[in-house]
């Protein structure tokens, strides 16, 4: 019973994804070939830059958390001495 429900949900999800893929294909097919490729390259370049920004932000967060740990430990040591 549970497996049948999962299969149905998977079939629905596959149908939705197929529909979205078709819409995406059509959105590029209506453009001239060189324009479609240029647009695709532009989108990939923008997303690549977004990925770089996200990676930078993740690294920055890790550094701040590590800095916070260090500062917290320094405060703890100062409290022990006083």
PDB file of N, CA and C in Angstrom:
ATOM      1  N   UNK A   1       0.833  -1.190   0.000  1.00  0.00           N
ATOM      2  CA  UNK A   1       0.000   0.000   0.000  1.00  0.00           C
ATOM      3  C   UNK A   1       0.877   1.253   0.000  1.00  0.00           C
ATOM      4  N   UNK A   2       1.858   1.285   0.901  1.00  0.00           N
ATOM      5  CA  UNK A   2       2.735   2.449   1.001  1.00  0.00           C
ATOM      6  C   UNK A   2       3.579   2.592  -0.261  1.00  0.00           C
ATOM      7  N   UNK A   3       4.056   1.453  -0.772  1.00  0.00           N
ATOM      8  CA  UNK A   3       4.872   1.475  -1.986  1.00  0.00           C
ATOM      9  C   UNK A   3       4.056   1.971  -3.177  1.00  0.00           C
ATOM     10  N   UNK A   4       2.794   1.591  -3.229  1.00  0.00           N
ATOM     11  CA  UNK A   4       1.914   2.039  -4.310  1.00  0.00           C
ATOM     12  C   UNK A   4       1.713   3.552  -4.243  1.00  0.00           C
ATOM     13  N   UNK A   5       1.560   4.089  -3.052  1.00  0.00           N
ATOM     14  CA  UNK A   5       1.404   5.535  -2.884  1.00  0.00           C
ATOM     15  C   UNK A   5       2.684   6.257  -3.301  1.00  0.00           C
ATOM     16  N   UNK A   6       3.844   5.687  -2.965  1.00  0.00           N
ATOM     17  CA  UNK A   6       5.106   6.299  -3.361  1.00  0.00           C
ATOM     18  C   UNK A   6       5.269   6.285  -4.871  1.00  0.00           C
ATOM     19  N   UNK A   7       4.862   5.180  -5.514  1.00  0.00           N
ATOM     20  CA  UNK A   7       4.935   5.089  -6.971  1.00  0.00           C
ATOM     21  C   UNK A   7       4.042   6.141  -7.623  1.00  0.00           C
ATOM     22  N   UNK A   8       2.856   6.326  -7.089  1.00  0.00           N
ATOM     23  CA  UNK A   8       1.950   7.338  -7.627  1.00  0.00           C
ATOM     24  C   UNK A   8       2.537   8.733  -7.480  1.00  0.00           C
ATOM     25  N   UNK A   9       3.090   9.013  -6.311  1.00  0.00           N
ATOM     26  CA  UNK A   9       3.702  10.328  -6.076  1.00  0.00           C
ATOM     27  C   UNK A   9       4.888  10.525  -7.018  1.00  0.00           C
ATOM     28  N   UNK A  10       5.672   9.494  -7.214  1.00  0.00           N
ATOM     29  CA  UNK A  10       6.824   9.571  -8.118  1.00  0.00           C
ATOM     30  C   UNK A  10       6.355   9.814  -9.550  1.00  0.00           C
ATOM     31  N   UNK A  11       5.273   9.148  -9.957  1.00  0.00           N
ATOM     32  CA  UNK A  11       4.735   9.340 -11.294  1.00  0.00           C
ATOM     33  C   UNK A  11       4.234  10.770 -11.485  1.00  0.00           C
ATOM     34  N   UNK A  12       3.578  11.315 -10.473  1.00  0.00           N
ATOM     35  CA  UNK A  12       3.095  12.696 -10.549  1.00  0.00           C
ATOM     36  C   UNK A  12       4.276  13.653 -10.641  1.00  0.00           C
ATOM     37  N   UNK A  13       5.292  13.432  -9.805  1.00  0.00           N
ATOM     38  CA  UNK A  13       6.475  14.297  -9.832  1.00  0.00           C
ATOM     39  C   UNK A  13       7.165  14.217 -11.186  1.00  0.00           C
ATOM     40  N   UNK A  14       7.288  13.013 -11.731  1.00  0.00           N
ATOM     41  CA  UNK A  14       7.902  12.856 -13.057  1.00  0.00           C
ATOM     42  C   UNK A  14       7.107  13.595 -14.127  1.00  0.00           C
ATOM     43  N   UNK A  15       5.794  13.536 -14.051  1.00  0.00           N
ATOM     44  CA  UNK A  15       4.954  14.231 -15.025  1.00  0.00           C
ATOM     45  C   UNK A  15       5.124  15.745 -14.916  1.00  0.00           C
ATOM     46  N   UNK A  16       5.192  16.245 -13.696  1.00  0.00           N
ATOM     47  CA  UNK A  16       5.392  17.686 -13.494  1.00  0.00           C
ATOM     48  C   UNK A  16       6.753  18.106 -14.034  1.00  0.00           C
ATOM     49  N   UNK A  17       7.802  17.339 -13.706  1.00  0.00           N
ATOM     50  CA  UNK A  17       9.140  17.668 -14.200  1.00  0.00           C
ATOM     51  C   UNK A  17       9.212  17.593 -15.720  1.00  0.00           C
ATOM     52  N   UNK A  18       8.553  16.612 -16.305  1.00  0.00           N
ATOM     53  CA  UNK A  18       8.513  16.522 -17.773  1.00  0.00           C
ATOM     54  C   UNK A  18       7.837  17.753 -18.373  1.00  0.00           C
ATOM     55  N   UNK A  19       6.763  18.197 -17.761  1.00  0.00           N
ATOM     56  CA  UNK A  19       6.079  19.399 -18.232  1.00  0.00           C
ATOM     57  C   UNK A  19       6.963  20.629 -18.124  1.00  0.00           C
ATOM     58  N   UNK A  20       7.676  20.754 -17.008  1.00  0.00           N
ATOM     59  CA  UNK A  20       8.586  21.890 -16.833  1.00  0.00           C
ATOM     60  C   UNK A  20       9.741  21.837 -17.834  1.00  0.00           C
ATOM     61  N   UNK A  21      10.257  20.624 -18.083  1.00  0.00           N
ATOM     62  CA  UNK A  21      11.313  20.471 -19.089  1.00  0.00           C
ATOM     63  C   UNK A  21      10.819  20.898 -20.460  1.00  0.00           C
ATOM     64  N   UNK A  22       9.593  20.501 -20.784  1.00  0.00           N
ATOM     65  CA  UNK A  22       9.016  20.859 -22.080  1.00  0.00           C
ATOM     66  C   UNK A  22       8.865  22.371 -22.206  1.00  0.00           C
ATOM     67  N   UNK A  23       8.396  23.014 -21.141  1.00  0.00           N
ATOM     68  CA  UNK A  23       8.259  24.481 -21.148  1.00  0.00           C
ATOM     69  C   UNK A  23       9.629  25.132 -21.330  1.00  0.00           C
ATOM     70  N   UNK A  24      10.632  24.615 -20.642  1.00  0.00           N
ATOM     71  CA  UNK A  24      11.993  25.145 -20.790  1.00  0.00           C
ATOM     72  C   UNK A  24      12.515  24.979 -22.201  1.00  0.00           C
ATOM     73  N   UNK A  25      12.275  23.810 -22.789  1.00  0.00           N
ATOM     74  CA  UNK A  25      12.711  23.581 -24.167  1.00  0.00           C
ATOM     75  C   UNK A  25      12.032  24.549 -25.128  1.00  0.00           C
ATOM     76  N   UNK A  26      10.745  24.740 -24.938  1.00  0.00           N
ATOM     77  CA  UNK A  26       9.989  25.646 -25.809  1.00  0.00           C
ATOM     78  C   UNK A  26      10.498  27.077 -25.662  1.00  0.00           C
ATOM     79  N   UNK A  27      10.825  27.481 -24.421  1.00  0.00           N
ATOM     80  CA  UNK A  27      11.278  28.855 -24.203  1.00  0.00           C
ATOM     81  C   UNK A  27      12.586  29.134 -24.932  1.00  0.00           C
ATOM     82  N   UNK A  28      13.422  28.133 -25.125  1.00  0.00           N
ATOM     83  CA  UNK A  28      14.644  28.326 -25.905  1.00  0.00           C
ATOM     84  C   UNK A  28      14.411  28.084 -27.392  1.00  0.00           C
ATOM     85  N   UNK A  29      13.480  27.209 -27.739  1.00  0.00           N
ATOM     86  CA  UNK A  29      13.222  26.892 -29.139  1.00  0.00           C
ATOM     87  C   UNK A  29      12.616  28.072 -29.890  1.00  0.00           C
ATOM     88  N   UNK A  30      11.911  28.962 -29.205  1.00  0.00           N
ATOM     89  CA  UNK A  30      11.299  30.104 -29.891  1.00  0.00           C
ATOM     90  C   UNK A  30      12.327  31.170 -30.246  1.00  0.00           C
ATOM     91  N   UNK A  31      13.524  31.075 -29.651  1.00  0.00           N
ATOM     92  CA  UNK A  31      14.581  32.034 -29.958  1.00  0.00           C
ATOM     93  C   UNK A  31      15.433  31.532 -31.114  1.00  0.00           C
ATOM     94  N   UNK A  32      16.062  32.454 -31.861  1.00  0.00           N
ATOM     95  CA  UNK A  32      17.050  32.004 -32.851  1.00  0.00           C
ATOM     96  C   UNK A  32      18.174  31.242 -32.148  1.00  0.00           C
ATOM     97  N   UNK A  33      18.788  30.282 -32.852  1.00  0.00           N
ATOM     98  CA  UNK A  33      19.761  29.386 -32.247  1.00  0.00           C
ATOM     99  C   UNK A  33      20.896  30.149 -31.555  1.00  0.00           C
ATOM    100  N   UNK A  34      21.491  31.137 -32.218  1.00  0.00           N
ATOM    101  CA  UNK A  34      22.612  31.848 -31.604  1.00  0.00           C
ATOM    102  C   UNK A  34      22.176  32.637 -30.373  1.00  0.00           C
ATOM    103  N   UNK A  35      20.971  33.180 -30.405  1.00  0.00           N
ATOM    104  CA  UNK A  35      20.458  33.922 -29.252  1.00  0.00           C
ATOM    105  C   UNK A  35      20.161  32.976 -28.087  1.00  0.00           C
ATOM    106  N   UNK A  36      19.616  31.814 -28.382  1.00  0.00           N
ATOM    107  CA  UNK A  36      19.320  30.829 -27.333  1.00  0.00           C
ATOM    108  C   UNK A  36      20.606  30.389 -26.642  1.00  0.00           C
ATOM    109  N   UNK A  37      21.657  30.144 -27.446  1.00  0.00           N
ATOM    110  CA  UNK A  37      22.931  29.732 -26.860  1.00  0.00           C
ATOM    111  C   UNK A  37      23.559  30.865 -26.059  1.00  0.00           C
ATOM    112  N   UNK A  38      23.471  32.089 -26.566  1.00  0.00           N
ATOM    113  CA  UNK A  38      24.018  33.235 -25.847  1.00  0.00           C
ATOM    114  C   UNK A  38      23.281  33.438 -24.519  1.00  0.00           C
ATOM    115  N   UNK A  39      21.966  33.302 -24.547  1.00  0.00           N
ATOM    116  CA  UNK A  39      21.174  33.438 -23.326  1.00  0.00           C
ATOM    117  C   UNK A  39      21.534  32.342 -22.323  1.00  0.00           C
ATOM    118  N   UNK A  40      21.686  31.122 -22.807  1.00  0.00           N
ATOM    119  CA  UNK A  40      22.083  30.021 -21.934  1.00  0.00           C
ATOM    120  C   UNK A  40      23.448  30.279 -21.311  1.00  0.00           C
ATOM    121  N   UNK A  41      24.402  30.769 -22.120  1.00  0.00           N
ATOM    122  CA  UNK A  41      25.729  31.087 -21.599  1.00  0.00           C
ATOM    123  C   UNK A  41      25.664  32.203 -20.567  1.00  0.00           C
ATOM    124  N   UNK A  42      24.843  33.223 -20.822  1.00  0.00           N
ATOM    125  CA  UNK A  42      24.688  34.319 -19.876  1.00  0.00           C
ATOM    126  C   UNK A  42      24.117  33.821 -18.549  1.00  0.00           C
ATOM    127  N   UNK A  43      23.075  32.999 -18.623  1.00  0.00           N
ATOM    128  CA  UNK A  43      22.476  32.463 -17.394  1.00  0.00           C
ATOM    129  C   UNK A  43      23.482  31.631 -16.605  1.00  0.00           C
ATOM    130  N   UNK A  44      24.269  30.801 -17.314  1.00  0.00           N
ATOM    131  CA  UNK A  44      25.270  29.983 -16.626  1.00  0.00           C
ATOM    132  C   UNK A  44      26.343  30.856 -15.986  1.00  0.00           C
ATOM    133  N   UNK A  45      26.754  31.938 -16.672  1.00  0.00           N
ATOM    134  CA  UNK A  45      27.766  32.839 -16.106  1.00  0.00           C
ATOM    135  C   UNK A  45      27.231  33.523 -14.851  1.00  0.00           C
ATOM    136  N   UNK A  46      25.979  33.973 -14.903  1.00  0.00           N
ATOM    137  CA  UNK A  46      25.380  34.620 -13.731  1.00  0.00           C
ATOM    138  C   UNK A  46      25.282  33.631 -12.574  1.00  0.00           C
ATOM    139  N   UNK A  47      24.799  32.439 -12.843  1.00  0.00           N
ATOM    140  CA  UNK A  47      24.673  31.440 -11.782  1.00  0.00           C
ATOM    141  C   UNK A  47      26.031  31.026 -11.237  1.00  0.00           C
ATOM    142  N   UNK A  48      27.050  30.998 -12.081  1.00  0.00           N
ATOM    143  CA  UNK A  48      28.397  30.688 -11.620  1.00  0.00           C
ATOM    144  C   UNK A  48      28.882  31.756 -10.646  1.00  0.00           C
ATOM    145  N   UNK A  49      28.596  33.017 -10.945  1.00  0.00           N
ATOM    146  CA  UNK A  49      28.982  34.100 -10.047  1.00  0.00           C
ATOM    147  C   UNK A  49      28.187  34.034  -8.740  1.00  0.00           C
ATOM    148  N   UNK A  50      26.917  33.691  -8.841  1.00  0.00           N
ATOM    149  CA  UNK A  50      26.104  33.533  -7.630  1.00  0.00           C
ATOM    150  C   UNK A  50      26.694  32.425  -6.768  1.00  0.00           C
ATOM    151  N   UNK A  51      27.113  31.337  -7.396  1.00  0.00           N
ATOM    152  CA  UNK A  51      27.724  30.233  -6.664  1.00  0.00           C
ATOM    153  C   UNK A  51      29.004  30.701  -5.968  1.00  0.00           C
ATOM    154  N   UNK A  52      29.813  31.524  -6.652  1.00  0.00           N
ATOM    155  CA  UNK A  52      31.040  32.052  -6.037  1.00  0.00           C
ATOM    156  C   UNK A  52      30.700  32.901  -4.815  1.00  0.00           C
ATOM    157  N   UNK A  53      29.672  33.723  -4.937  1.00  0.00           N
ATOM    158  CA  UNK A  53      29.267  34.568  -3.818  1.00  0.00           C
ATOM    159  C   UNK A  53      28.782  33.703  -2.653  1.00  0.00           C
ATOM    160  N   UNK A  54      27.999  32.690  -2.944  1.00  0.00           N
ATOM    161  CA  UNK A  54      27.496  31.801  -1.896  1.00  0.00           C
ATOM    162  C   UNK A  54      28.662  31.064  -1.233  1.00  0.00           C
ATOM    163  N   UNK A  55      29.616  30.571  -2.027  1.00  0.00           N
ATOM    164  CA  UNK A  55      30.785  29.894  -1.460  1.00  0.00           C
ATOM    165  C   UNK A  55      31.577  30.847  -0.571  1.00  0.00           C
ATOM    166  N   UNK A  56      31.759  32.096  -1.038  1.00  0.00           N
ATOM    167  CA  UNK A  56      32.476  33.088  -0.239  1.00  0.00           C
ATOM    168  C   UNK A  56      31.738  33.328   1.077  1.00  0.00           C
ATOM    169  N   UNK A  57      30.426  33.481   0.986  1.00  0.00           N
ATOM    170  CA  UNK A  57      29.614  33.736   2.186  1.00  0.00           C
ATOM    171  C   UNK A  57      29.707  32.567   3.166  1.00  0.00           C
ATOM    172  N   UNK A  58      29.670  31.347   2.656  1.00  0.00           N
ATOM    173  CA  UNK A  58      29.784  30.177   3.530  1.00  0.00           C
ATOM    174  C   UNK A  58      31.142  30.154   4.237  1.00  0.00           C
ATOM    175  N   UNK A  59      32.202  30.462   3.503  1.00  0.00           N
ATOM    176  CA  UNK A  59      33.519  30.535   4.118  1.00  0.00           C
ATOM    177  C   UNK A  59      33.592  31.627   5.161  1.00  0.00           C
ATOM    178  N   UNK A  60      32.976  32.778   4.858  1.00  0.00           N
ATOM    179  CA  UNK A  60      32.966  33.896   5.795  1.00  0.00           C
ATOM    180  C   UNK A  60      32.250  33.509   7.086  1.00  0.00           C
ATOM    181  N   UNK A  61      31.136  32.817   6.943  1.00  0.00           N
ATOM    182  CA  UNK A  61      30.387  32.364   8.121  1.00  0.00           C
ATOM    183  C   UNK A  61      31.240  31.414   8.961  1.00  0.00           C
ATOM    184  N   UNK A  62      31.901  30.459   8.312  1.00  0.00           N
ATOM    185  CA  UNK A  62      32.766  29.523   9.039  1.00  0.00           C
ATOM    186  C   UNK A  62      33.860  30.268   9.802  1.00  0.00           C
ATOM    187  N   UNK A  63      34.458  31.271   9.146  1.00  0.00           N
ATOM    188  CA  UNK A  63      35.509  32.048   9.811  1.00  0.00           C
ATOM    189  C   UNK A  63      34.954  32.835  10.992  1.00  0.00           C
ATOM    190  N   UNK A  64      33.769  33.403  10.861  1.00  0.00           N
ATOM    191  CA  UNK A  64      33.175  34.166  11.961  1.00  0.00           C
ATOM    192  C   UNK A  64      32.827  33.262  13.131  1.00  0.00           C
ATOM    193  N   UNK A  65      32.305  32.066  12.833  1.00  0.00           N
ATOM    194  CA  UNK A  65      31.982  31.119  13.907  1.00  0.00           C
ATOM    195  C   UNK A  65      33.262  30.711  14.631  1.00  0.00           C
ATOM    196  N   UNK A  66      34.322  30.434  13.871  1.00  0.00           N
ATOM    197  CA  UNK A  66      35.600  30.072  14.492  1.00  0.00           C
ATOM    198  C   UNK A  66      36.137  31.244  15.307  1.00  0.00           C
ATOM    199  N   UNK A  67      36.012  32.459  14.773  1.00  0.00           N
ATOM    200  CA  UNK A  67      36.441  33.641  15.519  1.00  0.00           C
ATOM    201  C   UNK A  67      35.633  33.825  16.785  1.00  0.00           C
ATOM    202  N   UNK A  68      34.354  33.564  16.715  1.00  0.00           N
ATOM    203  CA  UNK A  68      33.491  33.647  17.892  1.00  0.00           C
ATOM    204  C   UNK A  68      33.888  32.624  18.939  1.00  0.00           C
ATOM    205  N   UNK A  69      34.231  31.411  18.500  1.00  0.00           N
ATOM    206  CA  UNK A  69      34.685  30.381  19.439  1.00  0.00           C
ATOM    207  C   UNK A  69      35.962  30.820  20.143  1.00  0.00           C
ATOM    208  N   UNK A  70      36.889  31.391  19.370  1.00  0.00           N
ATOM    209  CA  UNK A  70      38.157  31.843  19.941  1.00  0.00           C
ATOM    210  C   UNK A  70      37.923  32.968  20.949  1.00  0.00           C
ATOM    211  N   UNK A  71      37.087  33.940  20.558  1.00  0.00           N
ATOM    212  CA  UNK A  71      36.800  35.059  21.450  1.00  0.00           C
ATOM    213  C   UNK A  71      36.093  34.594  22.714  1.00  0.00           C
ATOM    214  N   UNK A  72      35.158  33.661  22.577  1.00  0.00           N
ATOM    215  CA  UNK A  72      34.450  33.117  23.732  1.00  0.00           C
ATOM    216  C   UNK A  72      35.419  32.447  24.692  1.00  0.00           C
ATOM    217  N   UNK A  73      36.377  31.699  24.126  1.00  0.00           N
ATOM    218  CA  UNK A  73      37.383  31.026  24.958  1.00  0.00           C
ATOM    219  C   UNK A  73      38.275  32.052  25.668  1.00  0.00           C
ATOM    220  N   UNK A  74      38.636  33.131  24.963  1.00  0.00           N
ATOM    221  CA  UNK A  74      39.429  34.189  25.600  1.00  0.00           C
ATOM    222  C   UNK A  74      38.654  34.818  26.752  1.00  0.00           C
ATOM    223  N   UNK A  75      37.380  35.071  26.552  1.00  0.00           N
ATOM    224  CA  UNK A  75      36.549  35.645  27.622  1.00  0.00           C
ATOM    225  C   UNK A  75      36.472  34.692  28.823  1.00  0.00           C
ATOM    226  N   UNK A  76      36.301  33.420  28.508  1.00  0.00           N
ATOM    227  CA  UNK A  76      36.216  32.417  29.575  1.00  0.00           C
ATOM    228  C   UNK A  76      37.508  32.397  30.396  1.00  0.00           C
ATOM    229  N   UNK A  77      38.652  32.469  29.720  1.00  0.00           N
ATOM    230  CA  UNK A  77      39.950  32.496  30.422  1.00  0.00           C
ATOM    231  C   UNK A  77      40.083  33.744  31.264  1.00  0.00           C
ATOM    232  N   UNK A  78      39.646  34.894  30.759  1.00  0.00           N
ATOM    233  CA  UNK A  78      39.714  36.139  31.530  1.00  0.00           C
ATOM    234  C   UNK A  78      38.834  36.056  32.770  1.00  0.00           C
ATOM    235  N   UNK A  79      37.680  35.445  32.621  1.00  0.00           N
ATOM    236  CA  UNK A  79      36.765  35.297  33.778  1.00  0.00           C
ATOM    237  C   UNK A  79      37.378  34.375  34.840  1.00  0.00           C
ATOM    238  N   UNK A  80      38.112  33.358  34.425  1.00  0.00           N
ATOM    239  CA  UNK A  80      38.732  32.433  35.367  1.00  0.00           C
ATOM    240  C   UNK A  80      39.840  33.114  36.158  1.00  0.00           C
ATOM    241  N   UNK A  81      40.539  34.069  35.520  1.00  0.00           N
ATOM    242  CA  UNK A  81      41.647  34.757  36.175  1.00  0.00           C
ATOM    243  C   UNK A  81      41.167  35.811  37.157  1.00  0.00           C
ATOM    244  N   UNK A  82      39.937  36.300  36.963  1.00  0.00           N
ATOM    245  CA  UNK A  82      39.461  37.382  37.849  1.00  0.00           C
ATOM    246  C   UNK A  82      38.585  36.878  38.934  1.00  0.00           C
TER     247      UNK A  82
END
